[in-house]
């Protein structure tokens, strides 16, 4: 059952918590959505592909507590609409997870610049827009912002444009934390190493060695989200054993 704010405009404190996840139709985002639904959350997932979102919802049996919204994370009107629809449907917003991201898998000196704009807008602008669109609602619930970064945002590799976008996300997480902590809002950066997800489809093959699963990263996300009130987990770097960088 959907809830609504009380007459004072505050969210119903007795209602089940609500999360909004960008890029939630597959990979890490989908794994986080499944974990949170199992934990009793109501969840909105966004993505560019309507068919993928429909397939994800159907896979879960179209649960009442799941909403899907088609849109681009780099378009503020789309992001604002997803937040507004979530609030209208569920009456509150406790957590946002900026998960949507893409990689061109090329280098600054030898790559194809035609794909870089979309990557930078999705990976860097997208999380910032989600923070801006959701912060008023998160102030009301004293909620949490989760940014999905990458080990590539801590360890430079030769010519890695994708890594540069994730360095920006690393900075965005701390910059955001320093502003919103006074409002009671937490910020967590989850920085995975190599994970077996559709992220590697554009690369042509999975990287060598042991890989983490999307479910293992989702466990870290949910652990950070479900910390006791007053505890702010800020940075979690998760690598598979055997990944040296």
Protein backbone atom coordinates (compact mmCIF):
# COMPACT_ATOMS: atom_id res chain seq x y z
CA UNK A 1 0.00 0.00 0.00
CA UNK A 2 1.31 3.45 -0.86
CA UNK A 3 1.71 5.97 1.91
CA UNK A 4 1.40 9.72 1.88
CA UNK A 5 2.78 12.57 3.96
CA UNK A 6 0.84 13.56 7.05
CA UNK A 7 -0.94 16.92 7.32
CA UNK A 8 2.26 18.64 8.39
CA UNK A 9 3.88 17.66 5.08
CA UNK A 10 6.35 15.28 6.76
CA UNK A 11 6.64 11.71 5.53
CA UNK A 12 4.86 8.99 7.48
CA UNK A 13 7.50 7.66 9.88
CA UNK A 14 5.65 4.33 10.18
CA UNK A 15 5.69 3.59 6.45
CA UNK A 16 8.16 1.24 4.78
CA UNK A 17 11.28 3.04 3.53
CA UNK A 18 11.65 3.99 -0.12
CA UNK A 19 14.66 3.87 -2.44
CA UNK A 20 15.23 5.27 -5.93
CA UNK A 21 17.91 3.52 -8.02
CA UNK A 22 19.17 4.81 -11.37
CA UNK A 23 20.24 2.22 -13.92
CA UNK A 24 18.31 -0.31 -11.89
CA UNK A 25 17.20 -2.70 -14.61
CA UNK A 26 20.35 -4.82 -14.67
CA UNK A 27 23.69 -5.44 -13.00
CA UNK A 28 24.45 -3.85 -9.65
CA UNK A 29 21.35 -1.64 -9.69
CA UNK A 30 19.03 -4.59 -10.20
CA UNK A 31 20.82 -6.55 -7.48
CA UNK A 32 20.41 -3.66 -5.03
CA UNK A 33 16.72 -3.36 -5.94
CA UNK A 34 16.15 -7.07 -5.26
CA UNK A 35 17.95 -6.89 -1.91
CA UNK A 36 15.96 -3.84 -0.79
CA UNK A 37 12.63 -5.30 -1.91
CA UNK A 38 13.44 -8.43 0.10
CA UNK A 39 14.18 -6.17 3.09
CA UNK A 40 10.74 -4.57 2.86
CA UNK A 41 11.63 -1.40 0.98
CA UNK A 42 9.52 0.09 -1.75
CA UNK A 43 11.71 0.75 -4.76
CA UNK A 44 11.73 2.84 -7.92
CA UNK A 45 14.22 1.88 -10.62
CA UNK A 46 15.05 4.00 -13.64
CA UNK A 47 16.72 3.22 -16.93
CA UNK A 48 16.85 4.20 -20.57
CA UNK A 49 15.38 0.97 -21.90
CA UNK A 50 11.68 0.36 -21.30
CA UNK A 51 11.93 -3.26 -22.41
CA UNK A 52 14.74 -4.00 -19.94
CA UNK A 53 12.81 -2.42 -17.08
CA UNK A 54 9.67 -4.36 -17.97
CA UNK A 55 11.65 -7.60 -18.11
CA UNK A 56 13.18 -6.89 -14.72
CA UNK A 57 9.80 -6.21 -13.13
CA UNK A 58 8.33 -9.35 -14.75
CA UNK A 59 11.25 -11.43 -13.46
CA UNK A 60 10.34 -10.37 -9.93
CA UNK A 61 6.63 -11.02 -10.47
CA UNK A 62 5.67 -7.35 -10.84
CA UNK A 63 5.65 -6.72 -7.08
CA UNK A 64 3.43 -3.95 -5.74
CA UNK A 65 6.39 -2.25 -4.12
CA UNK A 66 8.34 -1.80 -7.36
CA UNK A 67 7.95 1.10 -9.79
CA UNK A 68 9.86 1.57 -13.04
CA UNK A 69 10.56 4.88 -14.77
CA UNK A 70 12.07 5.27 -18.23
CA UNK A 71 14.44 8.20 -18.59
CA UNK A 72 17.98 9.51 -18.90
CA UNK A 73 20.02 10.23 -15.78
CA UNK A 74 21.76 13.10 -17.59
CA UNK A 75 18.48 14.96 -18.23
CA UNK A 76 17.38 16.94 -15.17
CA UNK A 77 13.71 16.93 -16.20
CA UNK A 78 13.79 13.12 -16.36
CA UNK A 79 15.53 12.85 -12.99
CA UNK A 80 13.19 15.32 -11.35
CA UNK A 81 10.21 13.45 -12.81
CA UNK A 82 11.47 10.14 -11.36
CA UNK A 83 11.79 11.71 -7.91
CA UNK A 84 8.35 13.33 -8.16
CA UNK A 85 6.73 10.07 -9.28
CA UNK A 86 8.36 8.21 -6.41
CA UNK A 87 7.07 10.74 -3.88
CA UNK A 88 3.61 10.66 -5.40
CA UNK A 89 3.50 6.86 -5.39
CA UNK A 90 5.07 6.17 -2.00
CA UNK A 91 4.88 9.42 -0.04
CA UNK A 92 8.54 9.56 1.00
CA UNK A 93 12.12 9.00 -0.16
CA UNK A 94 14.78 7.55 2.12
CA UNK A 95 17.61 6.50 -0.19
CA UNK A 96 18.84 7.32 -3.67
CA UNK A 97 21.41 5.15 -5.43
CA UNK A 98 23.26 6.78 -8.35
CA UNK A 99 24.17 3.56 -10.12
CA UNK A 100 23.76 4.34 -13.83
CA UNK A 101 27.09 4.39 -15.63
CA UNK A 102 28.68 3.53 -18.96
CA UNK A 103 32.21 3.02 -20.26
CA UNK A 104 33.67 3.45 -23.73
CA UNK A 105 36.59 1.15 -22.91
CA UNK A 106 39.08 3.28 -24.83
CA UNK A 107 41.87 5.72 -24.07
CA UNK A 108 42.43 9.47 -24.19
CA UNK A 109 45.28 9.22 -26.71
CA UNK A 110 43.85 6.57 -29.01
CA UNK A 111 40.11 6.37 -28.39
CA UNK A 112 37.01 7.53 -30.25
CA UNK A 113 35.80 10.84 -28.76
CA UNK A 114 32.29 10.34 -30.14
CA UNK A 115 31.32 8.30 -27.09
CA UNK A 116 32.95 10.42 -24.43
CA UNK A 117 30.25 13.07 -24.05
CA UNK A 118 27.55 10.55 -23.19
CA UNK A 119 29.89 8.80 -20.76
CA UNK A 120 30.83 12.00 -18.94
CA UNK A 121 27.22 13.19 -18.75
CA UNK A 122 25.97 9.83 -17.48
CA UNK A 123 28.78 9.12 -15.03
CA UNK A 124 29.42 12.61 -13.63
CA UNK A 125 26.46 14.88 -14.33
CA UNK A 126 23.92 12.13 -13.64
CA UNK A 127 24.82 11.61 -9.96
CA UNK A 128 24.94 15.37 -9.38
CA UNK A 129 21.48 15.80 -10.89
CA UNK A 130 20.12 13.01 -8.70
CA UNK A 131 21.49 14.70 -5.58
CA UNK A 132 19.95 18.01 -6.60
CA UNK A 133 16.56 16.50 -7.44
CA UNK A 134 16.26 14.41 -4.28
CA UNK A 135 17.87 16.44 -1.52
CA UNK A 136 14.71 18.17 -0.27
CA UNK A 137 12.96 14.81 0.17
CA UNK A 138 16.03 13.28 1.81
CA UNK A 139 16.20 16.13 4.31
CA UNK A 140 12.68 15.20 5.44
CA UNK A 141 13.63 11.56 6.10
CA UNK A 142 17.27 12.17 7.09
CA UNK A 143 18.05 9.71 4.35
CA UNK A 144 21.09 8.56 2.41
CA UNK A 145 22.76 9.19 -0.94
CA UNK A 146 24.72 6.27 -2.39
CA UNK A 147 27.07 6.87 -5.31
CA UNK A 148 28.43 3.86 -7.20
CA UNK A 149 32.00 4.76 -8.06
CA UNK A 150 34.86 2.47 -8.99
CA UNK A 151 38.33 1.39 -7.99
CA UNK A 152 39.23 3.25 -11.19
CA UNK A 153 38.32 6.39 -9.26
CA UNK A 154 41.20 5.76 -6.87
CA UNK A 155 43.88 4.04 -8.98
CA UNK A 156 44.97 5.73 -12.25
CA UNK A 157 45.47 3.52 -15.29
CA UNK A 158 47.00 4.66 -18.60
CA UNK A 159 44.67 6.82 -20.69
CA UNK A 160 41.51 5.72 -18.86
CA UNK A 161 38.76 8.27 -19.58
CA UNK A 162 36.21 6.14 -17.72
CA UNK A 163 38.54 6.23 -14.72
CA UNK A 164 38.63 10.01 -14.93
CA UNK A 165 34.83 10.12 -14.66
CA UNK A 166 34.99 7.92 -11.58
CA UNK A 167 37.64 10.16 -10.00
CA UNK A 168 35.04 12.89 -10.41
CA UNK A 169 32.46 10.73 -8.62
CA UNK A 170 34.93 10.14 -5.78
CA UNK A 171 35.27 13.91 -5.38
CA UNK A 172 31.53 14.48 -5.75
CA UNK A 173 30.80 12.07 -2.91
CA UNK A 174 32.99 13.93 -0.41
CA UNK A 175 31.95 17.37 -1.64
CA UNK A 176 28.30 16.36 -1.24
CA UNK A 177 28.86 14.83 2.19
CA UNK A 178 30.41 18.02 3.50
CA UNK A 179 27.33 19.99 2.50
CA UNK A 180 24.47 17.65 3.35
CA UNK A 181 25.73 16.15 6.62
CA UNK A 182 24.49 19.22 8.51
CA UNK A 183 20.99 18.36 7.26
CA UNK A 184 21.19 14.83 8.62
CA UNK A 185 21.69 13.22 5.21
CA UNK A 186 24.33 10.52 4.83
CA UNK A 187 26.56 9.94 1.79
CA UNK A 188 28.20 6.64 0.86
CA UNK A 189 30.58 5.99 -2.02
CA UNK A 190 30.73 2.32 -3.01
CA UNK A 191 33.77 1.70 -5.24
CA UNK A 192 33.76 -1.79 -6.77
CA UNK A 193 36.65 -3.52 -8.43
CA UNK A 194 35.98 -5.94 -11.27
CA UNK A 195 32.39 -7.15 -11.23
CA UNK A 196 30.68 -9.59 -13.59
CA UNK A 197 27.93 -7.37 -15.04
CA UNK A 198 26.74 -6.11 -18.46
CA UNK A 199 29.28 -3.28 -17.98
CA UNK A 200 31.77 -5.45 -19.89
CA UNK A 201 29.51 -6.00 -22.93
CA UNK A 202 31.14 -3.12 -24.79
CA UNK A 203 34.59 -4.46 -23.94
CA UNK A 204 33.95 -7.68 -25.81
CA UNK A 205 34.84 -10.08 -23.00
CA UNK A 206 35.14 -10.34 -19.26
CA UNK A 207 38.50 -9.36 -17.76
CA UNK A 208 40.77 -12.15 -16.56
CA UNK A 209 40.84 -13.41 -13.01
CA UNK A 210 38.25 -13.73 -10.28
CA UNK A 211 35.31 -11.30 -10.50
CA UNK A 212 32.86 -10.15 -7.89
CA UNK A 213 29.14 -10.64 -8.48
CA UNK A 214 26.55 -7.89 -8.60
CA UNK A 215 24.92 -9.46 -5.54
CA UNK A 216 28.16 -9.12 -3.56
CA UNK A 217 28.30 -5.39 -4.32
CA UNK A 218 24.61 -5.09 -3.48
CA UNK A 219 25.35 -6.58 -0.07
CA UNK A 220 27.80 -3.72 0.58
CA UNK A 221 25.27 -1.11 -0.57
CA UNK A 222 22.50 -2.47 1.62
CA UNK A 223 24.87 -2.81 4.59
CA UNK A 224 25.74 0.89 4.31
CA UNK A 225 22.11 1.93 3.88
CA UNK A 226 20.91 -0.02 6.91
CA UNK A 227 23.37 1.34 9.45
CA UNK A 228 21.90 2.63 12.72
CA UNK A 229 20.70 6.23 12.85
CA UNK A 230 23.62 8.60 13.31
CA UNK A 231 26.15 6.32 11.59
CA UNK A 232 27.50 7.56 8.25
CA UNK A 233 29.50 5.04 6.22
CA UNK A 234 31.35 7.20 3.70
CA UNK A 235 33.70 5.15 1.49
CA UNK A 236 33.68 1.42 0.77
CA UNK A 237 36.17 -0.04 -1.71
CA UNK A 238 35.40 -3.66 -2.65
CA UNK A 239 37.80 -5.69 -4.79
CA UNK A 240 37.89 -9.38 -5.67
CA UNK A 241 40.85 -11.15 -4.14
CA UNK A 242 43.56 -11.24 -6.77
CA UNK A 243 42.90 -7.83 -8.33
CA UNK A 244 46.17 -5.95 -7.80
CA UNK A 245 45.14 -2.43 -8.89
